[in-house]
Amino acid sequence: MDKHTTHSAPTRLGYEIIRDHVLPGILGKHEDDILYWAGKDVARKFPIFSVDELPDFFAEAGWGTLTPFPGKTSKDEAVFILNQEDQILLEKRSYQLEAGFIAEQFQKLNGVLTECYGEKVPKENHIRFQVKWDIKTKI
């Protein structure tokens, strides 16, 4: 690499080192809680304008392939699947950053209190995100 070459985004390896080794070491037992709130903060800084934009954002962020779970959207709930082919990452990584991001995007778009819960499904190589909102609690 010559002195004029620059990189605007970290390499995949650099991202994985920070995400899977540095952050868990720093955050310790509070990793899930802090990453959830960090995900909400990221969503405020990178707003989407439609739920349909979520998969594109996940792909651009390098978070993986996010798809809506067919037939699981109702008046107060939606389900998404994040595919993770790397079994080691699926088992070891916290996906609360992504959960917080999804929750905040739905909350902003719908204007009601929203939470998102991520559940690892190792046999199917994915994380299932259940998004629930309270239509009575306006934000």
Protein backbone atom coordinates (compact mmCIF):
# COMPACT_ATOMS: atom_id res chain seq x y z
CA MET A 1 0.00 0.00 0.00
CA ASP A 2 1.48 3.34 -0.97
CA LYS A 3 1.29 6.48 1.14
CA HIS A 4 -1.66 7.81 -0.92
CA THR A 5 -3.91 4.82 -0.29
CA THR A 6 -6.41 5.18 2.52
CA HIS A 7 -9.20 3.00 3.83
CA SER A 8 -12.48 4.58 4.82
CA ALA A 9 -13.84 1.45 6.52
CA PRO A 10 -12.08 -0.99 8.81
CA THR A 11 -11.27 -4.41 7.48
CA ARG A 12 -13.54 -7.30 8.37
CA LEU A 13 -10.83 -8.75 10.61
CA GLY A 14 -10.45 -5.44 12.43
CA TYR A 15 -14.21 -5.25 12.97
CA GLU A 16 -14.33 -8.80 14.30
CA ILE A 17 -11.40 -8.20 16.67
CA ILE A 18 -13.14 -5.17 18.18
CA ARG A 19 -16.62 -6.73 18.21
CA ASP A 20 -15.74 -10.22 19.42
CA HIS A 21 -12.69 -9.68 21.63
CA VAL A 22 -12.12 -6.07 22.68
CA LEU A 23 -15.72 -5.09 23.54
CA PRO A 24 -16.54 -8.23 25.55
CA GLY A 25 -13.31 -7.75 27.51
CA ILE A 26 -14.08 -4.13 28.31
CA LEU A 27 -17.82 -4.50 28.93
CA GLY A 28 -17.70 -7.78 30.84
CA LYS A 29 -20.99 -8.93 32.32
CA HIS A 30 -22.68 -5.71 31.15
CA GLU A 31 -21.95 -6.39 27.46
CA ASP A 32 -25.53 -7.23 26.43
CA ASP A 33 -27.11 -4.24 28.20
CA ILE A 34 -24.56 -1.74 26.93
CA LEU A 35 -24.63 -3.06 23.36
CA TYR A 36 -28.44 -2.86 23.32
CA TRP A 37 -28.36 0.82 24.28
CA ALA A 38 -25.49 1.42 21.87
CA GLY A 39 -27.62 -0.10 19.11
CA LYS A 40 -30.43 2.32 19.98
CA ASP A 41 -27.93 5.19 19.79
CA VAL A 42 -26.62 4.00 16.41
CA ALA A 43 -30.23 3.91 15.14
CA ARG A 44 -30.72 7.54 16.16
CA LYS A 45 -27.57 8.50 14.25
CA PHE A 46 -28.47 6.41 11.17
CA PRO A 47 -32.25 6.64 10.85
CA ILE A 48 -34.17 4.68 8.28
CA PHE A 49 -37.43 5.90 6.78
CA SER A 50 -39.16 2.54 6.34
CA VAL A 51 -38.88 -0.89 7.92
CA ASP A 52 -38.17 -2.16 4.41
CA GLU A 53 -34.75 -0.44 4.64
CA LEU A 54 -33.60 -2.59 7.59
CA PRO A 55 -32.17 -5.45 5.46
CA ASP A 56 -30.18 -3.00 3.31
CA PHE A 57 -28.76 -1.26 6.37
CA PHE A 58 -27.73 -4.58 7.93
CA ALA A 59 -25.98 -5.59 4.71
CA GLU A 60 -24.18 -2.25 4.40
CA ALA A 61 -23.13 -2.34 8.07
CA GLY A 62 -21.72 -5.85 7.61
CA TRP A 63 -24.13 -7.25 10.21
CA GLY A 64 -25.44 -10.00 7.93
CA THR A 65 -28.55 -10.92 5.98
CA LEU A 66 -31.71 -9.78 7.76
CA THR A 67 -35.10 -10.95 6.51
CA PRO A 68 -38.63 -10.55 7.83
CA PHE A 69 -40.07 -13.82 9.13
CA PRO A 70 -43.06 -14.58 6.88
CA GLY A 71 -46.46 -14.38 8.54
CA LYS A 72 -45.12 -13.11 11.87
CA THR A 73 -46.02 -9.43 11.59
CA SER A 74 -49.09 -8.31 13.52
CA LYS A 75 -50.48 -5.07 14.96
CA ASP A 76 -47.95 -5.15 17.83
CA GLU A 77 -45.19 -7.54 16.78
CA ALA A 78 -42.73 -8.37 14.00
CA VAL A 79 -40.08 -11.06 13.68
CA PHE A 80 -36.83 -10.92 11.72
CA ILE A 81 -34.20 -13.55 11.01
CA LEU A 82 -30.48 -12.72 10.86
CA ASN A 83 -28.54 -15.48 9.13
CA GLN A 84 -25.14 -16.32 10.58
CA GLU A 85 -23.31 -19.11 8.79
CA ASP A 86 -20.32 -18.95 11.14
CA GLN A 87 -21.33 -21.27 14.00
CA ILE A 88 -18.59 -19.93 16.31
CA LEU A 89 -19.78 -16.33 15.88
CA LEU A 90 -23.38 -17.39 16.37
CA GLU A 91 -22.57 -19.04 19.68
CA LYS A 92 -20.12 -16.47 21.09
CA ARG A 93 -21.22 -13.06 19.79
CA SER A 94 -23.77 -10.88 21.50
CA TYR A 95 -26.42 -9.68 19.06
CA GLN A 96 -27.83 -7.01 21.36
CA LEU A 97 -26.34 -4.20 19.26
CA GLU A 98 -28.55 -5.34 16.39
CA ALA A 99 -31.56 -5.82 18.70
CA GLY A 100 -31.25 -2.30 20.07
CA PHE A 101 -30.90 -0.91 16.56
CA ILE A 102 -34.08 -2.66 15.39
CA ALA A 103 -36.02 -1.59 18.50
CA GLU A 104 -35.12 2.07 18.11
CA GLN A 105 -35.90 2.13 14.39
CA PHE A 106 -39.36 0.65 15.00
CA GLN A 107 -39.93 3.01 17.93
CA LYS A 108 -39.04 6.03 15.80
CA LEU A 109 -41.14 4.90 12.86
CA ASN A 110 -44.22 3.89 14.90
CA GLY A 111 -44.00 6.47 17.68
CA VAL A 112 -44.69 3.91 20.40
CA LEU A 113 -42.59 2.15 23.04
CA THR A 114 -40.75 -0.74 21.38
CA GLU A 115 -38.39 -3.50 22.52
CA CYS A 116 -36.55 -6.19 20.57
CA TYR A 117 -35.32 -9.55 21.86
CA GLY A 118 -32.71 -11.61 20.05
CA GLU A 119 -32.75 -15.39 20.37
CA LYS A 120 -29.96 -17.55 18.97
CA VAL A 121 -31.16 -20.60 17.02
CA PRO A 122 -27.94 -22.56 16.42
CA LYS A 123 -29.60 -25.51 14.67
CA GLU A 124 -30.88 -23.14 11.99
CA ASN A 125 -27.78 -20.89 11.90
CA HIS A 126 -29.66 -17.72 12.71
CA ILE A 127 -30.75 -15.22 15.31
CA ARG A 128 -34.48 -14.56 15.63
CA PHE A 129 -35.35 -11.00 16.57
CA GLN A 130 -38.80 -10.54 18.08
CA VAL A 131 -39.89 -6.91 17.97
CA LYS A 132 -42.80 -5.96 20.23
CA TRP A 133 -44.41 -2.59 20.70
CA ASP A 134 -47.05 -1.17 23.00
CA ILE A 135 -49.55 0.77 20.88
CA LYS A 136 -50.87 2.42 24.05
CA THR A 137 -47.52 3.94 25.07
CA LYS A 138 -46.75 6.84 22.74
CA ILE A 139 -43.21 8.16 22.51
